[in-house]
PDB file of all heavy atoms in Angstrom:
ATOM      1  N   LEU A   1      81.031  16.065   4.314  1.00  0.00           N
ATOM      2  CA  LEU A   1      80.715  17.254   3.483  1.00  0.00           C
ATOM      3  C   LEU A   1      79.239  17.714   3.870  1.00  0.00           C
ATOM      4  O   LEU A   1      78.898  18.929   3.699  1.00  0.00           O
ATOM      5  CB  LEU A   1      80.651  16.878   1.974  1.00  0.00           C
ATOM      6  CG  LEU A   1      82.157  16.603   1.542  1.00  0.00           C
ATOM      7  CD1 LEU A   1      82.084  16.170  -0.005  1.00  0.00           C
ATOM      8  CD2 LEU A   1      83.042  17.915   1.606  1.00  0.00           C
ATOM      9  N   ALA A   2      78.339  16.686   4.103  1.00  0.00           N
ATOM     10  CA  ALA A   2      77.030  17.163   4.512  1.00  0.00           C
ATOM     11  C   ALA A   2      76.972  17.851   5.765  1.00  0.00           C
ATOM     12  O   ALA A   2      76.239  18.853   5.979  1.00  0.00           O
ATOM     13  CB  ALA A   2      76.171  15.859   4.575  1.00  0.00           C
ATOM     14  N   LYS A   3      77.871  17.461   6.740  1.00  0.00           N
ATOM     15  CA  LYS A   3      77.811  18.266   7.954  1.00  0.00           C
ATOM     16  C   LYS A   3      78.362  19.731   7.712  1.00  0.00           C
ATOM     17  O   LYS A   3      77.868  20.645   8.359  1.00  0.00           O
ATOM     18  CB  LYS A   3      78.842  17.590   9.031  1.00  0.00           C
ATOM     19  CG  LYS A   3      78.210  16.371   9.708  1.00  0.00           C
ATOM     20  CD  LYS A   3      77.074  16.667  10.598  1.00  0.00           C
ATOM     21  CE  LYS A   3      76.370  15.462  11.212  1.00  0.00           C
ATOM     22  NZ  LYS A   3      75.228  15.806  12.063  1.00  0.00           N
ATOM     23  N   ALA A   4      79.291  19.888   6.846  1.00  0.00           N
ATOM     24  CA  ALA A   4      79.786  21.068   6.503  1.00  0.00           C
ATOM     25  C   ALA A   4      78.679  21.949   5.897  1.00  0.00           C
ATOM     26  O   ALA A   4      78.625  23.219   5.967  1.00  0.00           O
ATOM     27  CB  ALA A   4      81.010  21.025   5.582  1.00  0.00           C
ATOM     28  N   ASP A   5      77.827  21.292   5.145  1.00  0.00           N
ATOM     29  CA  ASP A   5      76.765  21.965   4.386  1.00  0.00           C
ATOM     30  C   ASP A   5      75.444  22.029   5.243  1.00  0.00           C
ATOM     31  O   ASP A   5      74.495  22.670   4.822  1.00  0.00           O
ATOM     32  CB  ASP A   5      76.401  21.344   3.125  1.00  0.00           C
ATOM     33  CG  ASP A   5      77.381  21.848   2.041  1.00  0.00           C
ATOM     34  OD1 ASP A   5      78.081  22.657   2.260  1.00  0.00           O
ATOM     35  OD2 ASP A   5      77.405  21.153   0.867  1.00  0.00           O
ATOM     36  N   GLY A   6      75.427  21.309   6.373  1.00  0.00           N
ATOM     37  CA  GLY A   6      74.298  21.299   7.211  1.00  0.00           C
ATOM     38  C   GLY A   6      73.191  20.318   6.789  1.00  0.00           C
ATOM     39  O   GLY A   6      72.053  20.505   7.200  1.00  0.00           O
ATOM     40  N   ARG A   7      73.515  19.382   6.065  1.00  0.00           N
ATOM     41  CA  ARG A   7      72.488  18.239   5.690  1.00  0.00           C
ATOM     42  C   ARG A   7      73.305  17.026   5.392  1.00  0.00           C
ATOM     43  O   ARG A   7      74.485  16.909   5.281  1.00  0.00           O
ATOM     44  CB  ARG A   7      71.760  18.788   4.397  1.00  0.00           C
ATOM     45  CG  ARG A   7      72.651  18.780   3.143  1.00  0.00           C
ATOM     46  CD  ARG A   7      71.896  19.172   1.965  1.00  0.00           C
ATOM     47  NE  ARG A   7      72.805  19.544   0.875  1.00  0.00           N
ATOM     48  CZ  ARG A   7      73.448  20.674   0.812  1.00  0.00           C
ATOM     49  NH1 ARG A   7      73.191  21.679   1.720  1.00  0.00           N
ATOM     50  NH2 ARG A   7      74.250  20.956  -0.145  1.00  0.00           N
ATOM     51  N   LEU A   8      72.534  15.948   5.356  1.00  0.00           N
ATOM     52  CA  LEU A   8      72.997  14.646   5.099  1.00  0.00           C
ATOM     53  C   LEU A   8      72.160  13.862   4.168  1.00  0.00           C
ATOM     54  O   LEU A   8      70.882  13.793   4.509  1.00  0.00           O
ATOM     55  CB  LEU A   8      73.108  13.793   6.480  1.00  0.00           C
ATOM     56  CG  LEU A   8      73.679  12.378   6.294  1.00  0.00           C
ATOM     57  CD1 LEU A   8      75.145  12.454   5.745  1.00  0.00           C
ATOM     58  CD2 LEU A   8      73.705  11.642   7.591  1.00  0.00           C
ATOM     59  N   THR A   9      72.437  13.558   3.010  1.00  0.00           N
ATOM     60  CA  THR A   9      71.683  12.897   2.019  1.00  0.00           C
ATOM     61  C   THR A   9      72.140  11.525   1.785  1.00  0.00           C
ATOM     62  O   THR A   9      73.309  11.164   1.871  1.00  0.00           O
ATOM     63  CB  THR A   9      71.664  13.693   0.616  1.00  0.00           C
ATOM     64  OG1 THR A   9      73.006  13.801   0.206  1.00  0.00           O
ATOM     65  CG2 THR A   9      71.062  15.022   0.938  1.00  0.00           C
ATOM     66  N   GLY A  10      71.172  10.635   1.509  1.00  0.00           N
ATOM     67  CA  GLY A  10      71.597   9.194   1.329  1.00  0.00           C
ATOM     68  C   GLY A  10      72.034   8.862  -0.165  1.00  0.00           C
ATOM     69  O   GLY A  10      72.954   8.109  -0.354  1.00  0.00           O
ATOM     70  N   CYS A  11      71.248   9.432  -0.976  1.00  0.00           N
ATOM     71  CA  CYS A  11      71.651   9.176  -2.544  1.00  0.00           C
ATOM     72  C   CYS A  11      71.857  10.512  -3.179  1.00  0.00           C
ATOM     73  O   CYS A  11      70.907  11.237  -3.348  1.00  0.00           O
ATOM     74  CB  CYS A  11      70.471   8.366  -3.177  1.00  0.00           C
ATOM     75  SG  CYS A  11      70.852   7.897  -4.850  1.00  0.00           S
ATOM     76  N   GLU A  12      73.047  10.987  -3.418  1.00  0.00           N
ATOM     77  CA  GLU A  12      73.371  12.250  -3.815  1.00  0.00           C
ATOM     78  C   GLU A  12      72.876  12.638  -5.281  1.00  0.00           C
ATOM     79  O   GLU A  12      72.538  13.727  -5.478  1.00  0.00           O
ATOM     80  CB  GLU A  12      74.817  12.480  -3.772  1.00  0.00           C
ATOM     81  CG  GLU A  12      75.519  12.203  -2.434  1.00  0.00           C
ATOM     82  CD  GLU A  12      75.369  13.504  -1.598  1.00  0.00           C
ATOM     83  OE1 GLU A  12      75.068  14.531  -2.080  1.00  0.00           O
ATOM     84  OE2 GLU A  12      75.682  13.289  -0.400  1.00  0.00           O
ATOM     85  N   LEU A  13      72.760  11.593  -6.188  1.00  0.00           N
ATOM     86  CA  LEU A  13      72.233  11.851  -7.517  1.00  0.00           C
ATOM     87  C   LEU A  13      71.146  10.822  -7.672  1.00  0.00           C
ATOM     88  O   LEU A  13      71.279   9.724  -7.237  1.00  0.00           O
ATOM     89  CB  LEU A  13      73.314  11.742  -8.522  1.00  0.00           C
ATOM     90  CG  LEU A  13      74.582  12.763  -8.371  1.00  0.00           C
ATOM     91  CD1 LEU A  13      75.484  12.379  -9.493  1.00  0.00           C
ATOM     92  CD2 LEU A  13      74.135  14.137  -8.403  1.00  0.00           C
ATOM     93  N   LYS A  14      70.185  11.017  -8.546  1.00  0.00           N
ATOM     94  CA  LYS A  14      69.084  10.099  -8.733  1.00  0.00           C
ATOM     95  C   LYS A  14      68.860   9.962 -10.244  1.00  0.00           C
ATOM     96  O   LYS A  14      69.047  11.058 -10.941  1.00  0.00           O
ATOM     97  CB  LYS A  14      67.850  10.512  -7.998  1.00  0.00           C
ATOM     98  CG  LYS A  14      67.240  11.794  -8.417  1.00  0.00           C
ATOM     99  CD  LYS A  14      65.953  11.993  -7.618  1.00  0.00           C
ATOM    100  CE  LYS A  14      65.284  13.212  -8.101  1.00  0.00           C
ATOM    101  NZ  LYS A  14      63.920  13.423  -7.366  1.00  0.00           N
ATOM    102  N   PRO A  15      68.254   9.003 -10.733  1.00  0.00           N
ATOM    103  CA  PRO A  15      67.811   8.914 -12.146  1.00  0.00           C
ATOM    104  C   PRO A  15      66.744   9.928 -12.462  1.00  0.00           C
ATOM    105  O   PRO A  15      65.851  10.211 -11.562  1.00  0.00           O
ATOM    106  CB  PRO A  15      67.282   7.460 -12.395  1.00  0.00           C
ATOM    107  CG  PRO A  15      67.818   6.754 -11.113  1.00  0.00           C
ATOM    108  CD  PRO A  15      67.928   7.669 -10.027  1.00  0.00           C
ATOM    109  N   ALA A  16      66.749  10.465 -13.621  1.00  0.00           N
ATOM    110  CA  ALA A  16      65.654  11.388 -14.038  1.00  0.00           C
ATOM    111  C   ALA A  16      64.348  10.761 -14.163  1.00  0.00           C
ATOM    112  O   ALA A  16      63.237  11.349 -13.981  1.00  0.00           O
ATOM    113  CB  ALA A  16      66.090  12.143 -15.357  1.00  0.00           C
ATOM    114  N   SER A  17      64.366   9.474 -14.526  1.00  0.00           N
ATOM    115  CA  SER A  17      63.166   8.634 -14.750  1.00  0.00           C
ATOM    116  C   SER A  17      62.802   7.941 -13.380  1.00  0.00           C
ATOM    117  O   SER A  17      63.581   7.872 -12.529  1.00  0.00           O
ATOM    118  CB  SER A  17      63.368   7.566 -15.826  1.00  0.00           C
ATOM    119  OG  SER A  17      62.428   6.630 -15.789  1.00  0.00           O
ATOM    120  N   ASP A  18      61.450   7.701 -13.380  1.00  0.00           N
ATOM    121  CA  ASP A  18      61.015   6.838 -12.202  1.00  0.00           C
ATOM    122  C   ASP A  18      61.494   5.485 -12.089  1.00  0.00           C
ATOM    123  O   ASP A  18      61.361   4.736 -11.213  1.00  0.00           O
ATOM    124  CB  ASP A  18      59.457   6.866 -12.150  1.00  0.00           C
ATOM    125  CG  ASP A  18      58.954   8.334 -11.810  1.00  0.00           C
ATOM    126  OD1 ASP A  18      59.685   9.017 -11.160  1.00  0.00           O
ATOM    127  OD2 ASP A  18      57.843   8.608 -12.156  1.00  0.00           O
ATOM    128  N   SER A  19      61.973   4.988 -13.331  1.00  0.00           N
ATOM    129  CA  SER A  19      62.454   3.613 -13.312  1.00  0.00           C
ATOM    130  C   SER A  19      63.841   3.489 -13.773  1.00  0.00           C
ATOM    131  O   SER A  19      64.224   4.272 -14.710  1.00  0.00           O
ATOM    132  CB  SER A  19      61.543   2.863 -14.316  1.00  0.00           C
ATOM    133  OG  SER A  19      62.051   1.524 -14.557  1.00  0.00           O
ATOM    134  N   VAL A  20      64.638   2.691 -13.229  1.00  0.00           N
ATOM    135  CA  VAL A  20      66.056   2.564 -13.691  1.00  0.00           C
ATOM    136  C   VAL A  20      66.124   1.802 -15.039  1.00  0.00           C
ATOM    137  O   VAL A  20      67.067   2.146 -15.766  1.00  0.00           O
ATOM    138  CB  VAL A  20      66.861   1.830 -12.588  1.00  0.00           C
ATOM    139  CG1 VAL A  20      66.505   0.388 -12.517  1.00  0.00           C
ATOM    140  CG2 VAL A  20      68.392   1.860 -12.971  1.00  0.00           C
ATOM    141  N   ALA A  21      65.232   0.878 -15.289  1.00  0.00           N
ATOM    142  CA  ALA A  21      65.277   0.126 -16.513  1.00  0.00           C
ATOM    143  C   ALA A  21      65.153   1.074 -17.691  1.00  0.00           C
ATOM    144  O   ALA A  21      64.115   1.681 -17.803  1.00  0.00           O
ATOM    145  CB  ALA A  21      64.355  -1.032 -16.504  1.00  0.00           C
ATOM    146  N   GLY A  22      66.081   1.008 -18.713  1.00  0.00           N
ATOM    147  CA  GLY A  22      65.890   1.830 -19.808  1.00  0.00           C
ATOM    148  C   GLY A  22      66.185   3.285 -19.702  1.00  0.00           C
ATOM    149  O   GLY A  22      66.005   3.997 -20.737  1.00  0.00           O
ATOM    150  N   ALA A  23      66.610   3.760 -18.569  1.00  0.00           N
ATOM    151  CA  ALA A  23      66.824   5.150 -18.440  1.00  0.00           C
ATOM    152  C   ALA A  23      68.104   5.393 -17.601  1.00  0.00           C
ATOM    153  O   ALA A  23      68.278   6.450 -16.884  1.00  0.00           O
ATOM    154  CB  ALA A  23      65.566   5.697 -17.544  1.00  0.00           C
ATOM    155  N   THR A  24      68.982   4.446 -17.662  1.00  0.00           N
ATOM    156  CA  THR A  24      70.274   4.609 -16.830  1.00  0.00           C
ATOM    157  C   THR A  24      71.243   5.585 -17.176  1.00  0.00           C
ATOM    158  O   THR A  24      72.118   5.881 -16.623  1.00  0.00           O
ATOM    159  CB  THR A  24      70.917   3.240 -16.691  1.00  0.00           C
ATOM    160  OG1 THR A  24      71.161   2.724 -18.010  1.00  0.00           O
ATOM    161  CG2 THR A  24      70.065   2.259 -15.969  1.00  0.00           C
ATOM    162  N   SER A  25      70.991   6.160 -18.362  1.00  0.00           N
ATOM    163  CA  SER A  25      71.919   7.167 -18.895  1.00  0.00           C
ATOM    164  C   SER A  25      71.449   8.697 -18.779  1.00  0.00           C
ATOM    165  O   SER A  25      72.154   9.495 -19.073  1.00  0.00           O
ATOM    166  CB  SER A  25      72.225   6.911 -20.409  1.00  0.00           C
ATOM    167  OG  SER A  25      70.995   7.137 -21.152  1.00  0.00           O
ATOM    168  N   GLU A  26      70.293   8.842 -18.157  1.00  0.00           N
ATOM    169  CA  GLU A  26      69.806  10.209 -17.937  1.00  0.00           C
ATOM    170  C   GLU A  26      69.778  10.470 -16.372  1.00  0.00           C
ATOM    171  O   GLU A  26      69.024   9.821 -15.614  1.00  0.00           O
ATOM    172  CB  GLU A  26      68.462  10.430 -18.471  1.00  0.00           C
ATOM    173  CG  GLU A  26      68.414  10.436 -19.941  1.00  0.00           C
ATOM    174  CD  GLU A  26      66.957  10.755 -20.489  1.00  0.00           C
ATOM    175  OE1 GLU A  26      66.504  11.716 -19.974  1.00  0.00           O
ATOM    176  OE2 GLU A  26      66.518  10.091 -21.326  1.00  0.00           O
ATOM    177  N   PHE A  27      70.478  11.498 -15.945  1.00  0.00           N
ATOM    178  CA  PHE A  27      70.519  11.749 -14.469  1.00  0.00           C
ATOM    179  C   PHE A  27      70.411  13.228 -14.227  1.00  0.00           C
ATOM    180  O   PHE A  27      70.764  14.107 -15.071  1.00  0.00           O
ATOM    181  CB  PHE A  27      71.822  11.305 -13.935  1.00  0.00           C
ATOM    182  CG  PHE A  27      72.006   9.789 -14.030  1.00  0.00           C
ATOM    183  CD1 PHE A  27      72.531   9.195 -15.104  1.00  0.00           C
ATOM    184  CD2 PHE A  27      71.532   8.914 -12.979  1.00  0.00           C
ATOM    185  CE1 PHE A  27      72.671   7.833 -15.186  1.00  0.00           C
ATOM    186  CE2 PHE A  27      71.685   7.537 -13.062  1.00  0.00           C
ATOM    187  CZ  PHE A  27      72.201   7.082 -14.188  1.00  0.00           C
ATOM    188  N   THR A  28      69.746  13.579 -13.017  1.00  0.00           N
ATOM    189  CA  THR A  28      69.666  14.938 -12.739  1.00  0.00           C
ATOM    190  C   THR A  28      70.230  15.143 -11.343  1.00  0.00           C
ATOM    191  O   THR A  28      70.264  14.183 -10.550  1.00  0.00           O
ATOM    192  CB  THR A  28      68.142  15.412 -12.565  1.00  0.00           C
ATOM    193  OG1 THR A  28      67.427  14.524 -11.728  1.00  0.00           O
ATOM    194  CG2 THR A  28      67.550  15.354 -14.067  1.00  0.00           C
ATOM    195  N   LEU A  29      70.818  16.323 -11.017  1.00  0.00           N
ATOM    196  CA  LEU A  29      71.462  16.527  -9.766  1.00  0.00           C
ATOM    197  C   LEU A  29      70.410  16.784  -8.720  1.00  0.00           C
ATOM    198  O   LEU A  29      69.409  17.488  -8.746  1.00  0.00           O
ATOM    199  CB  LEU A  29      72.304  17.716  -9.854  1.00  0.00           C
ATOM    200  CG  LEU A  29      73.128  18.204  -8.638  1.00  0.00           C
ATOM    201  CD1 LEU A  29      74.168  17.108  -8.302  1.00  0.00           C
ATOM    202  CD2 LEU A  29      73.833  19.545  -8.874  1.00  0.00           C
ATOM    203  N   LYS A  30      70.721  16.062  -7.500  1.00  0.00           N
ATOM    204  CA  LYS A  30      69.787  16.237  -6.311  1.00  0.00           C
ATOM    205  C   LYS A  30      70.790  16.825  -5.223  1.00  0.00           C
ATOM    206  O   LYS A  30      71.723  16.293  -4.821  1.00  0.00           O
ATOM    207  CB  LYS A  30      69.282  14.954  -5.798  1.00  0.00           C
ATOM    208  CG  LYS A  30      68.500  14.947  -4.497  1.00  0.00           C
ATOM    209  CD  LYS A  30      68.139  13.638  -4.110  1.00  0.00           C
ATOM    210  CE  LYS A  30      67.377  13.706  -2.689  1.00  0.00           C
ATOM    211  NZ  LYS A  30      67.056  12.358  -2.253  1.00  0.00           N
ATOM    212  N   GLY A  31      70.447  18.008  -4.736  1.00  0.00           N
ATOM    213  CA  GLY A  31      71.278  18.748  -3.859  1.00  0.00           C
ATOM    214  C   GLY A  31      71.993  19.928  -4.540  1.00  0.00           C
ATOM    215  O   GLY A  31      71.675  20.371  -5.546  1.00  0.00           O
ATOM    216  N   THR A  32      72.885  20.487  -3.855  1.00  0.00           N
ATOM    217  CA  THR A  32      73.572  21.704  -4.352  1.00  0.00           C
ATOM    218  C   THR A  32      75.133  21.470  -4.286  1.00  0.00           C
ATOM    219  O   THR A  32      75.619  20.437  -3.927  1.00  0.00           O
ATOM    220  CB  THR A  32      73.346  22.890  -3.426  1.00  0.00           C
ATOM    221  OG1 THR A  32      73.768  22.686  -2.142  1.00  0.00           O
ATOM    222  CG2 THR A  32      71.787  23.149  -3.418  1.00  0.00           C
ATOM    223  N   LEU A  33      75.828  22.451  -4.835  1.00  0.00           N
ATOM    224  CA  LEU A  33      77.315  22.323  -4.866  1.00  0.00           C
ATOM    225  C   LEU A  33      77.721  22.239  -3.467  1.00  0.00           C
ATOM    226  O   LEU A  33      77.327  22.767  -2.521  1.00  0.00           O
ATOM    227  CB  LEU A  33      77.880  23.588  -5.536  1.00  0.00           C
ATOM    228  CG  LEU A  33      77.633  23.661  -7.023  1.00  0.00           C
ATOM    229  CD1 LEU A  33      78.277  24.974  -7.494  1.00  0.00           C
ATOM    230  CD2 LEU A  33      78.307  22.531  -7.798  1.00  0.00           C
ATOM    231  N   GLY A  34      78.783  21.423  -3.246  1.00  0.00           N
ATOM    232  CA  GLY A  34      79.373  21.145  -1.977  1.00  0.00           C
ATOM    233  C   GLY A  34      79.065  19.688  -1.520  1.00  0.00           C
ATOM    234  O   GLY A  34      79.730  19.160  -0.638  1.00  0.00           O
ATOM    235  N   THR A  35      77.953  19.055  -2.070  1.00  0.00           N
ATOM    236  CA  THR A  35      77.746  17.665  -1.649  1.00  0.00           C
ATOM    237  C   THR A  35      78.689  16.825  -2.465  1.00  0.00           C
ATOM    238  O   THR A  35      79.317  17.174  -3.577  1.00  0.00           O
ATOM    239  CB  THR A  35      76.317  17.224  -2.008  1.00  0.00           C
ATOM    240  OG1 THR A  35      76.095  17.419  -3.420  1.00  0.00           O
ATOM    241  CG2 THR A  35      75.297  18.175  -1.313  1.00  0.00           C
ATOM    242  N   LEU A  36      78.873  15.588  -2.096  1.00  0.00           N
ATOM    243  CA  LEU A  36      79.815  14.719  -2.776  1.00  0.00           C
ATOM    244  C   LEU A  36      79.386  14.400  -4.100  1.00  0.00           C
ATOM    245  O   LEU A  36      80.239  14.398  -5.064  1.00  0.00           O
ATOM    246  CB  LEU A  36      79.977  13.370  -2.011  1.00  0.00           C
ATOM    247  CG  LEU A  36      81.160  12.504  -2.264  1.00  0.00           C
ATOM    248  CD1 LEU A  36      82.595  13.219  -2.129  1.00  0.00           C
ATOM    249  CD2 LEU A  36      81.052  11.288  -1.466  1.00  0.00           C
ATOM    250  N   GLY A  37      78.027  14.298  -4.309  1.00  0.00           N
ATOM    251  CA  GLY A  37      77.687  13.956  -5.671  1.00  0.00           C
ATOM    252  C   GLY A  37      77.895  15.202  -6.660  1.00  0.00           C
ATOM    253  O   GLY A  37      78.232  14.899  -7.830  1.00  0.00           O
ATOM    254  N   ALA A  38      77.848  16.440  -6.208  1.00  0.00           N
ATOM    255  CA  ALA A  38      78.155  17.461  -7.064  1.00  0.00           C
ATOM    256  C   ALA A  38      79.651  17.539  -7.462  1.00  0.00           C
ATOM    257  O   ALA A  38      79.940  17.878  -8.609  1.00  0.00           O
ATOM    258  CB  ALA A  38      77.698  18.800  -6.373  1.00  0.00           C
ATOM    259  N   LEU A  39      80.452  17.196  -6.469  1.00  0.00           N
ATOM    260  CA  LEU A  39      81.930  17.205  -6.705  1.00  0.00           C
ATOM    261  C   LEU A  39      82.291  16.276  -7.855  1.00  0.00           C
ATOM    262  O   LEU A  39      83.185  16.595  -8.656  1.00  0.00           O
ATOM    263  CB  LEU A  39      82.713  16.808  -5.502  1.00  0.00           C
ATOM    264  CG  LEU A  39      82.654  17.788  -4.306  1.00  0.00           C
ATOM    265  CD1 LEU A  39      83.327  17.254  -3.071  1.00  0.00           C
ATOM    266  CD2 LEU A  39      83.220  19.145  -4.682  1.00  0.00           C
ATOM    267  N   PHE A  40      81.587  15.226  -7.960  1.00  0.00           N
ATOM    268  CA  PHE A  40      81.935  14.155  -8.974  1.00  0.00           C
ATOM    269  C   PHE A  40      80.965  14.147 -10.100  1.00  0.00           C
ATOM    270  O   PHE A  40      80.833  13.128 -10.952  1.00  0.00           O
ATOM    271  CB  PHE A  40      82.045  12.840  -8.385  1.00  0.00           C
ATOM    272  CG  PHE A  40      82.990  12.643  -7.290  1.00  0.00           C
ATOM    273  CD1 PHE A  40      82.787  11.971  -6.069  1.00  0.00           C
ATOM    274  CD2 PHE A  40      84.190  13.258  -7.392  1.00  0.00           C
ATOM    275  CE1 PHE A  40      83.661  11.914  -5.022  1.00  0.00           C
ATOM    276  CE2 PHE A  40      85.264  13.152  -6.372  1.00  0.00           C
ATOM    277  CZ  PHE A  40      84.998  12.488  -5.261  1.00  0.00           C
ATOM    278  N   SER A  41      79.985  15.171 -10.186  1.00  0.00           N
ATOM    279  CA  SER A  41      78.915  15.181 -11.230  1.00  0.00           C
ATOM    280  C   SER A  41      79.629  15.169 -12.637  1.00  0.00           C
ATOM    281  O   SER A  41      80.585  15.896 -12.791  1.00  0.00           O
ATOM    282  CB  SER A  41      78.188  16.468 -11.063  1.00  0.00           C
ATOM    283  OG  SER A  41      77.221  16.566 -12.081  1.00  0.00           O
ATOM    284  N   GLY A  42      79.064  14.392 -13.468  1.00  0.00           N
ATOM    285  CA  GLY A  42      79.584  14.289 -14.818  1.00  0.00           C
ATOM    286  C   GLY A  42      80.477  13.054 -15.023  1.00  0.00           C
ATOM    287  O   GLY A  42      80.683  12.584 -16.131  1.00  0.00           O
ATOM    288  N   LEU A  43      80.933  12.599 -13.880  1.00  0.00           N
ATOM    289  CA  LEU A  43      81.968  11.415 -13.971  1.00  0.00           C
ATOM    290  C   LEU A  43      81.145  10.189 -13.274  1.00  0.00           C
ATOM    291  O   LEU A  43      81.124   9.099 -13.867  1.00  0.00           O
ATOM    292  CB  LEU A  43      83.213  11.718 -13.092  1.00  0.00           C
ATOM    293  CG  LEU A  43      84.197  10.685 -13.136  1.00  0.00           C
ATOM    294  CD1 LEU A  43      84.749  10.288 -14.460  1.00  0.00           C
ATOM    295  CD2 LEU A  43      85.339  11.011 -12.138  1.00  0.00           C
ATOM    296  N   VAL A  44      80.527  10.458 -12.090  1.00  0.00           N
ATOM    297  CA  VAL A  44      79.825   9.446 -11.480  1.00  0.00           C
ATOM    298  C   VAL A  44      78.289   9.750 -11.530  1.00  0.00           C
ATOM    299  O   VAL A  44      77.988  10.917 -11.343  1.00  0.00           O
ATOM    300  CB  VAL A  44      80.223   9.285  -9.901  1.00  0.00           C
ATOM    301  CG1 VAL A  44      79.451   8.349  -9.176  1.00  0.00           C
ATOM    302  CG2 VAL A  44      81.717   8.919  -9.893  1.00  0.00           C
ATOM    303  N   ASP A  45      77.479   8.828 -11.820  1.00  0.00           N
ATOM    304  CA  ASP A  45      76.080   9.001 -12.060  1.00  0.00           C
ATOM    305  C   ASP A  45      75.309   9.112 -10.624  1.00  0.00           C
ATOM    306  O   ASP A  45      74.214   9.628 -10.505  1.00  0.00           O
ATOM    307  CB  ASP A  45      75.413   8.016 -12.900  1.00  0.00           C
ATOM    308  CG  ASP A  45      75.949   8.064 -14.289  1.00  0.00           C
ATOM    309  OD1 ASP A  45      75.896   9.189 -14.834  1.00  0.00           O
ATOM    310  OD2 ASP A  45      76.570   7.139 -14.773  1.00  0.00           O
TER     311      ASP A  45
END
């Protein structure tokens, strides 16, 4: 999918916080529609 979009990302979604501890339920999207993370957004963090 990244080749189709012209980019390759390692971690499609990331925690909103700088630390995973205590913040594992808040996530923001990194990238745009068309990446694998966006396809599964809301289901996979």
